[in-house]
């Protein structure tokens, strides 16, 4: 028995299920719920991600579908890299300004999830995965291009946010 494959199974399921549930919450399926329109409004008006409806669906797909695929170990590093990119953006845009602790909305929680997804993307799904069962492999060139696409996407969304984020009012001195 290879402990690495067992470790990847545990990591994939824990990260994948947690992030998928977060995506399902944005769809209103679990938790206190929400809706794509509500998430889009928050992205547009509070975060400066424009157009909000586009970025809301990018986030919903990365989290819900990406999380499911990570947990199942299907399609190699592609869903794990998408989850990583999503979590990097949300951590920088939403959680870092609130400090470290999760109770304040800080980055204590999303950073380990991003690190777990990143580890899966780098190491692979392992033998105890649908990829392993089906014998699926992915060319290094395609994986490299996907990483470039995810990095460009992160930079793009953060630049757009910097351009369109609501400006905070400053008090006169």
C-alpha atoms as a PDB file:
ATOM      1  CA  UNK A   1       0.000   0.000   0.000  1.00  0.00           C
ATOM      2  CA  UNK A   2       1.339   3.380  -0.981  1.00  0.00           C
ATOM      3  CA  UNK A   3       0.754   5.971   1.745  1.00  0.00           C
ATOM      4  CA  UNK A   4       1.076   8.802  -0.785  1.00  0.00           C
ATOM      5  CA  UNK A   5      -1.976   7.563  -2.676  1.00  0.00           C
ATOM      6  CA  UNK A   6      -3.941   7.236   0.561  1.00  0.00           C
ATOM      7  CA  UNK A   7      -2.822  10.722   1.649  1.00  0.00           C
ATOM      8  CA  UNK A   8      -3.923  12.182  -1.697  1.00  0.00           C
ATOM      9  CA  UNK A   9      -7.314  10.482  -1.338  1.00  0.00           C
ATOM     10  CA  UNK A  10      -7.802  12.040   2.111  1.00  0.00           C
ATOM     11  CA  UNK A  11      -6.582  15.463   0.948  1.00  0.00           C
ATOM     12  CA  UNK A  12      -8.695  15.420  -2.214  1.00  0.00           C
ATOM     13  CA  UNK A  13     -11.887  14.443  -0.413  1.00  0.00           C
ATOM     14  CA  UNK A  14     -11.456  16.932   2.431  1.00  0.00           C
ATOM     15  CA  UNK A  15     -10.578  19.896   0.198  1.00  0.00           C
ATOM     16  CA  UNK A  16     -12.997  18.930  -2.573  1.00  0.00           C
ATOM     17  CA  UNK A  17     -16.039  18.443  -0.364  1.00  0.00           C
ATOM     18  CA  UNK A  18     -15.475  21.660   1.616  1.00  0.00           C
ATOM     19  CA  UNK A  19     -14.993  23.812  -1.467  1.00  0.00           C
ATOM     20  CA  UNK A  20     -17.896  22.133  -3.323  1.00  0.00           C
ATOM     21  CA  UNK A  21     -20.202  22.917  -0.399  1.00  0.00           C
ATOM     22  CA  UNK A  22     -19.099  26.545  -0.581  1.00  0.00           C
ATOM     23  CA  UNK A  23     -20.052  26.593  -4.272  1.00  0.00           C
ATOM     24  CA  UNK A  24     -23.381  24.915  -3.479  1.00  0.00           C
ATOM     25  CA  UNK A  25     -24.029  27.609  -0.872  1.00  0.00           C
ATOM     26  CA  UNK A  26     -23.641  30.266  -3.592  1.00  0.00           C
ATOM     27  CA  UNK A  27     -26.323  28.412  -5.540  1.00  0.00           C
ATOM     28  CA  UNK A  28     -28.644  28.427  -2.515  1.00  0.00           C
ATOM     29  CA  UNK A  29     -28.531  24.646  -2.151  1.00  0.00           C
ATOM     30  CA  UNK A  30     -26.972  24.405   1.333  1.00  0.00           C
ATOM     31  CA  UNK A  31     -26.273  26.534   4.385  1.00  0.00           C
ATOM     32  CA  UNK A  32     -27.727  29.990   4.635  1.00  0.00           C
ATOM     33  CA  UNK A  33     -27.836  29.938   0.884  1.00  0.00           C
ATOM     34  CA  UNK A  34     -27.547  32.620  -1.666  1.00  0.00           C
ATOM     35  CA  UNK A  35     -28.167  32.948  -5.346  1.00  0.00           C
ATOM     36  CA  UNK A  36     -26.060  33.593  -8.413  1.00  0.00           C
ATOM     37  CA  UNK A  37     -27.792  36.979  -8.780  1.00  0.00           C
ATOM     38  CA  UNK A  38     -27.041  37.883  -5.163  1.00  0.00           C
ATOM     39  CA  UNK A  39     -23.414  36.807  -5.508  1.00  0.00           C
ATOM     40  CA  UNK A  40     -23.181  38.799  -8.759  1.00  0.00           C
ATOM     41  CA  UNK A  41     -24.467  41.913  -7.005  1.00  0.00           C
ATOM     42  CA  UNK A  42     -21.925  41.489  -4.220  1.00  0.00           C
ATOM     43  CA  UNK A  43     -19.140  40.980  -6.775  1.00  0.00           C
ATOM     44  CA  UNK A  44     -20.259  44.062  -8.746  1.00  0.00           C
ATOM     45  CA  UNK A  45     -21.056  46.482  -5.937  1.00  0.00           C
ATOM     46  CA  UNK A  46     -18.831  45.516  -3.028  1.00  0.00           C
ATOM     47  CA  UNK A  47     -15.814  43.840  -4.579  1.00  0.00           C
ATOM     48  CA  UNK A  48     -15.455  45.528  -7.953  1.00  0.00           C
ATOM     49  CA  UNK A  49     -15.486  42.315 -10.004  1.00  0.00           C
ATOM     50  CA  UNK A  50     -17.202  43.446 -13.189  1.00  0.00           C
ATOM     51  CA  UNK A  51     -19.275  42.088 -14.741  1.00  0.00           C
ATOM     52  CA  UNK A  52     -20.413  40.533 -11.496  1.00  0.00           C
ATOM     53  CA  UNK A  53     -22.616  37.876 -13.080  1.00  0.00           C
ATOM     54  CA  UNK A  54     -19.678  36.519 -15.104  1.00  0.00           C
ATOM     55  CA  UNK A  55     -17.339  36.348 -12.110  1.00  0.00           C
ATOM     56  CA  UNK A  56     -20.090  34.902  -9.911  1.00  0.00           C
ATOM     57  CA  UNK A  57     -20.521  31.989 -12.325  1.00  0.00           C
ATOM     58  CA  UNK A  58     -16.752  31.540 -12.659  1.00  0.00           C
ATOM     59  CA  UNK A  59     -16.558  31.265  -8.872  1.00  0.00           C
ATOM     60  CA  UNK A  60     -19.599  28.977  -8.635  1.00  0.00           C
ATOM     61  CA  UNK A  61     -18.239  26.604 -11.283  1.00  0.00           C
ATOM     62  CA  UNK A  62     -14.698  26.616  -9.862  1.00  0.00           C
ATOM     63  CA  UNK A  63     -16.004  25.835  -6.389  1.00  0.00           C
ATOM     64  CA  UNK A  64     -18.950  23.492  -6.993  1.00  0.00           C
ATOM     65  CA  UNK A  65     -17.833  21.574 -10.077  1.00  0.00           C
ATOM     66  CA  UNK A  66     -14.137  21.944  -9.283  1.00  0.00           C
ATOM     67  CA  UNK A  67     -14.691  20.722  -5.742  1.00  0.00           C
ATOM     68  CA  UNK A  68     -16.635  17.661  -6.891  1.00  0.00           C
ATOM     69  CA  UNK A  69     -13.987  16.775  -9.477  1.00  0.00           C
ATOM     70  CA  UNK A  70     -11.179  17.242  -6.935  1.00  0.00           C
ATOM     71  CA  UNK A  71     -12.955  14.962  -4.449  1.00  0.00           C
ATOM     72  CA  UNK A  72     -13.507  12.318  -7.131  1.00  0.00           C
ATOM     73  CA  UNK A  73      -9.994  12.659  -8.507  1.00  0.00           C
ATOM     74  CA  UNK A  74     -11.155  13.224 -12.073  1.00  0.00           C
ATOM     75  CA  UNK A  75      -9.410  15.238 -14.791  1.00  0.00           C
ATOM     76  CA  UNK A  76      -6.021  15.457 -13.097  1.00  0.00           C
ATOM     77  CA  UNK A  77      -4.691  18.823 -12.087  1.00  0.00           C
ATOM     78  CA  UNK A  78      -7.244  20.908 -13.997  1.00  0.00           C
ATOM     79  CA  UNK A  79     -10.025  21.244 -11.392  1.00  0.00           C
ATOM     80  CA  UNK A  80      -7.502  21.493  -8.540  1.00  0.00           C
ATOM     81  CA  UNK A  81      -5.719  24.356 -10.313  1.00  0.00           C
ATOM     82  CA  UNK A  82      -9.063  26.102 -10.911  1.00  0.00           C
ATOM     83  CA  UNK A  83      -9.942  25.743  -7.222  1.00  0.00           C
ATOM     84  CA  UNK A  84      -6.492  27.080  -6.303  1.00  0.00           C
ATOM     85  CA  UNK A  85      -6.918  30.108  -8.571  1.00  0.00           C
ATOM     86  CA  UNK A  86     -10.400  30.817  -7.177  1.00  0.00           C
ATOM     87  CA  UNK A  87      -9.150  30.608  -3.597  1.00  0.00           C
ATOM     88  CA  UNK A  88      -6.129  32.833  -4.265  1.00  0.00           C
ATOM     89  CA  UNK A  89      -8.422  35.548  -5.634  1.00  0.00           C
ATOM     90  CA  UNK A  90     -11.005  35.284  -2.849  1.00  0.00           C
ATOM     91  CA  UNK A  91      -8.289  35.223  -0.191  1.00  0.00           C
ATOM     92  CA  UNK A  92      -6.618  38.372  -1.512  1.00  0.00           C
ATOM     93  CA  UNK A  93      -9.832  40.261  -2.302  1.00  0.00           C
ATOM     94  CA  UNK A  94     -12.040  39.298   0.626  1.00  0.00           C
ATOM     95  CA  UNK A  95     -10.158  37.657   3.472  1.00  0.00           C
ATOM     96  CA  UNK A  96      -6.722  39.315   3.745  1.00  0.00           C
ATOM     97  CA  UNK A  97      -8.202  42.768   4.507  1.00  0.00           C
ATOM     98  CA  UNK A  98     -10.049  41.216   7.478  1.00  0.00           C
ATOM     99  CA  UNK A  99      -6.920  39.895   9.172  1.00  0.00           C
ATOM    100  CA  UNK A 100      -5.920  36.353  10.050  1.00  0.00           C
ATOM    101  CA  UNK A 101      -8.720  34.872  12.153  1.00  0.00           C
ATOM    102  CA  UNK A 102     -11.686  33.142  10.524  1.00  0.00           C
ATOM    103  CA  UNK A 103     -14.078  34.544  13.148  1.00  0.00           C
ATOM    104  CA  UNK A 104     -13.428  37.993  11.677  1.00  0.00           C
ATOM    105  CA  UNK A 105     -13.693  36.707   8.094  1.00  0.00           C
ATOM    106  CA  UNK A 106      -9.909  36.466   7.812  1.00  0.00           C
ATOM    107  CA  UNK A 107      -7.642  34.247   5.782  1.00  0.00           C
ATOM    108  CA  UNK A 108      -7.078  31.490   8.367  1.00  0.00           C
ATOM    109  CA  UNK A 109      -9.510  29.133   6.582  1.00  0.00           C
ATOM    110  CA  UNK A 110      -9.134  29.724   2.806  1.00  0.00           C
ATOM    111  CA  UNK A 111      -5.323  29.556   2.760  1.00  0.00           C
ATOM    112  CA  UNK A 112      -5.108  25.897   3.879  1.00  0.00           C
ATOM    113  CA  UNK A 113      -7.816  25.006   1.352  1.00  0.00           C
ATOM    114  CA  UNK A 114      -5.860  26.757  -1.403  1.00  0.00           C
ATOM    115  CA  UNK A 115      -2.669  25.007  -0.294  1.00  0.00           C
ATOM    116  CA  UNK A 116      -4.432  21.637  -0.307  1.00  0.00           C
ATOM    117  CA  UNK A 117      -5.836  22.205  -3.792  1.00  0.00           C
ATOM    118  CA  UNK A 118      -2.420  23.393  -4.985  1.00  0.00           C
ATOM    119  CA  UNK A 119      -0.792  20.237  -3.559  1.00  0.00           C
ATOM    120  CA  UNK A 120      -3.307  18.042  -5.395  1.00  0.00           C
ATOM    121  CA  UNK A 121      -2.670  19.961  -8.621  1.00  0.00           C
ATOM    122  CA  UNK A 122       1.095  19.483  -8.244  1.00  0.00           C
ATOM    123  CA  UNK A 123       1.229  15.879  -7.005  1.00  0.00           C
ATOM    124  CA  UNK A 124      -1.744  14.444  -8.860  1.00  0.00           C
ATOM    125  CA  UNK A 125      -4.843  12.574  -7.802  1.00  0.00           C
ATOM    126  CA  UNK A 126      -3.112   9.318  -6.891  1.00  0.00           C
ATOM    127  CA  UNK A 127      -4.183   5.766  -7.617  1.00  0.00           C
ATOM    128  CA  UNK A 128      -7.311   5.950  -5.449  1.00  0.00           C
ATOM    129  CA  UNK A 129      -9.115   8.274  -7.841  1.00  0.00           C
ATOM    130  CA  UNK A 130     -11.295   8.065 -10.911  1.00  0.00           C
ATOM    131  CA  UNK A 131      -8.256   9.056 -12.967  1.00  0.00           C
ATOM    132  CA  UNK A 132      -6.348   6.141 -11.405  1.00  0.00           C
ATOM    133  CA  UNK A 133      -9.181   3.678 -11.947  1.00  0.00           C
ATOM    134  CA  UNK A 134      -9.726   4.800 -15.550  1.00  0.00           C
ATOM    135  CA  UNK A 135      -5.996   5.080 -16.308  1.00  0.00           C
ATOM    136  CA  UNK A 136      -6.297   8.713 -17.391  1.00  0.00           C
ATOM    137  CA  UNK A 137      -3.115  10.745 -17.828  1.00  0.00           C
ATOM    138  CA  UNK A 138      -2.575  14.267 -19.102  1.00  0.00           C
ATOM    139  CA  UNK A 139       0.260  15.649 -21.246  1.00  0.00           C
ATOM    140  CA  UNK A 140       2.687  17.943 -19.449  1.00  0.00           C
ATOM    141  CA  UNK A 141       2.266  20.587 -22.164  1.00  0.00           C
ATOM    142  CA  UNK A 142      -1.486  20.741 -21.605  1.00  0.00           C
ATOM    143  CA  UNK A 143      -1.017  20.905 -17.831  1.00  0.00           C
ATOM    144  CA  UNK A 144       1.529  23.724 -18.241  1.00  0.00           C
ATOM    145  CA  UNK A 145      -0.815  25.684 -20.493  1.00  0.00           C
ATOM    146  CA  UNK A 146      -3.609  25.247 -17.934  1.00  0.00           C
ATOM    147  CA  UNK A 147      -1.357  26.614 -15.173  1.00  0.00           C
ATOM    148  CA  UNK A 148      -0.544  29.613 -17.369  1.00  0.00           C
ATOM    149  CA  UNK A 149      -4.272  30.168 -18.029  1.00  0.00           C
ATOM    150  CA  UNK A 150      -5.048  30.005 -14.289  1.00  0.00           C
ATOM    151  CA  UNK A 151      -2.215  32.446 -13.441  1.00  0.00           C
ATOM    152  CA  UNK A 152      -3.324  34.870 -16.158  1.00  0.00           C
ATOM    153  CA  UNK A 153      -6.900  34.595 -14.889  1.00  0.00           C
ATOM    154  CA  UNK A 154      -5.851  35.435 -11.324  1.00  0.00           C
ATOM    155  CA  UNK A 155      -3.836  38.452 -12.461  1.00  0.00           C
ATOM    156  CA  UNK A 156      -6.636  39.602 -14.770  1.00  0.00           C
ATOM    157  CA  UNK A 157      -9.362  39.448 -12.148  1.00  0.00           C
ATOM    158  CA  UNK A 158      -7.197  41.227  -9.564  1.00  0.00           C
ATOM    159  CA  UNK A 159      -6.311  43.966 -12.078  1.00  0.00           C
ATOM    160  CA  UNK A 160      -9.973  44.400 -13.010  1.00  0.00           C
ATOM    161  CA  UNK A 161     -10.851  44.583  -9.348  1.00  0.00           C
ATOM    162  CA  UNK A 162      -8.205  47.253  -8.781  1.00  0.00           C
ATOM    163  CA  UNK A 163      -9.710  49.264 -11.629  1.00  0.00           C
ATOM    164  CA  UNK A 164     -13.368  48.883 -10.625  1.00  0.00           C
ATOM    165  CA  UNK A 165     -13.390  48.352  -6.863  1.00  0.00           C
ATOM    166  CA  UNK A 166     -15.534  50.843  -4.975  1.00  0.00           C
ATOM    167  CA  UNK A 167     -13.424  53.584  -3.500  1.00  0.00           C
ATOM    168  CA  UNK A 168     -13.696  54.006   0.236  1.00  0.00           C
ATOM    169  CA  UNK A 169     -14.574  57.448   1.415  1.00  0.00           C
ATOM    170  CA  UNK A 170     -11.858  59.216   3.325  1.00  0.00           C
ATOM    171  CA  UNK A 171     -12.576  61.621   6.114  1.00  0.00           C
ATOM    172  CA  UNK A 172     -11.275  65.177   5.662  1.00  0.00           C
ATOM    173  CA  UNK A 173      -8.296  65.976   7.851  1.00  0.00           C
END
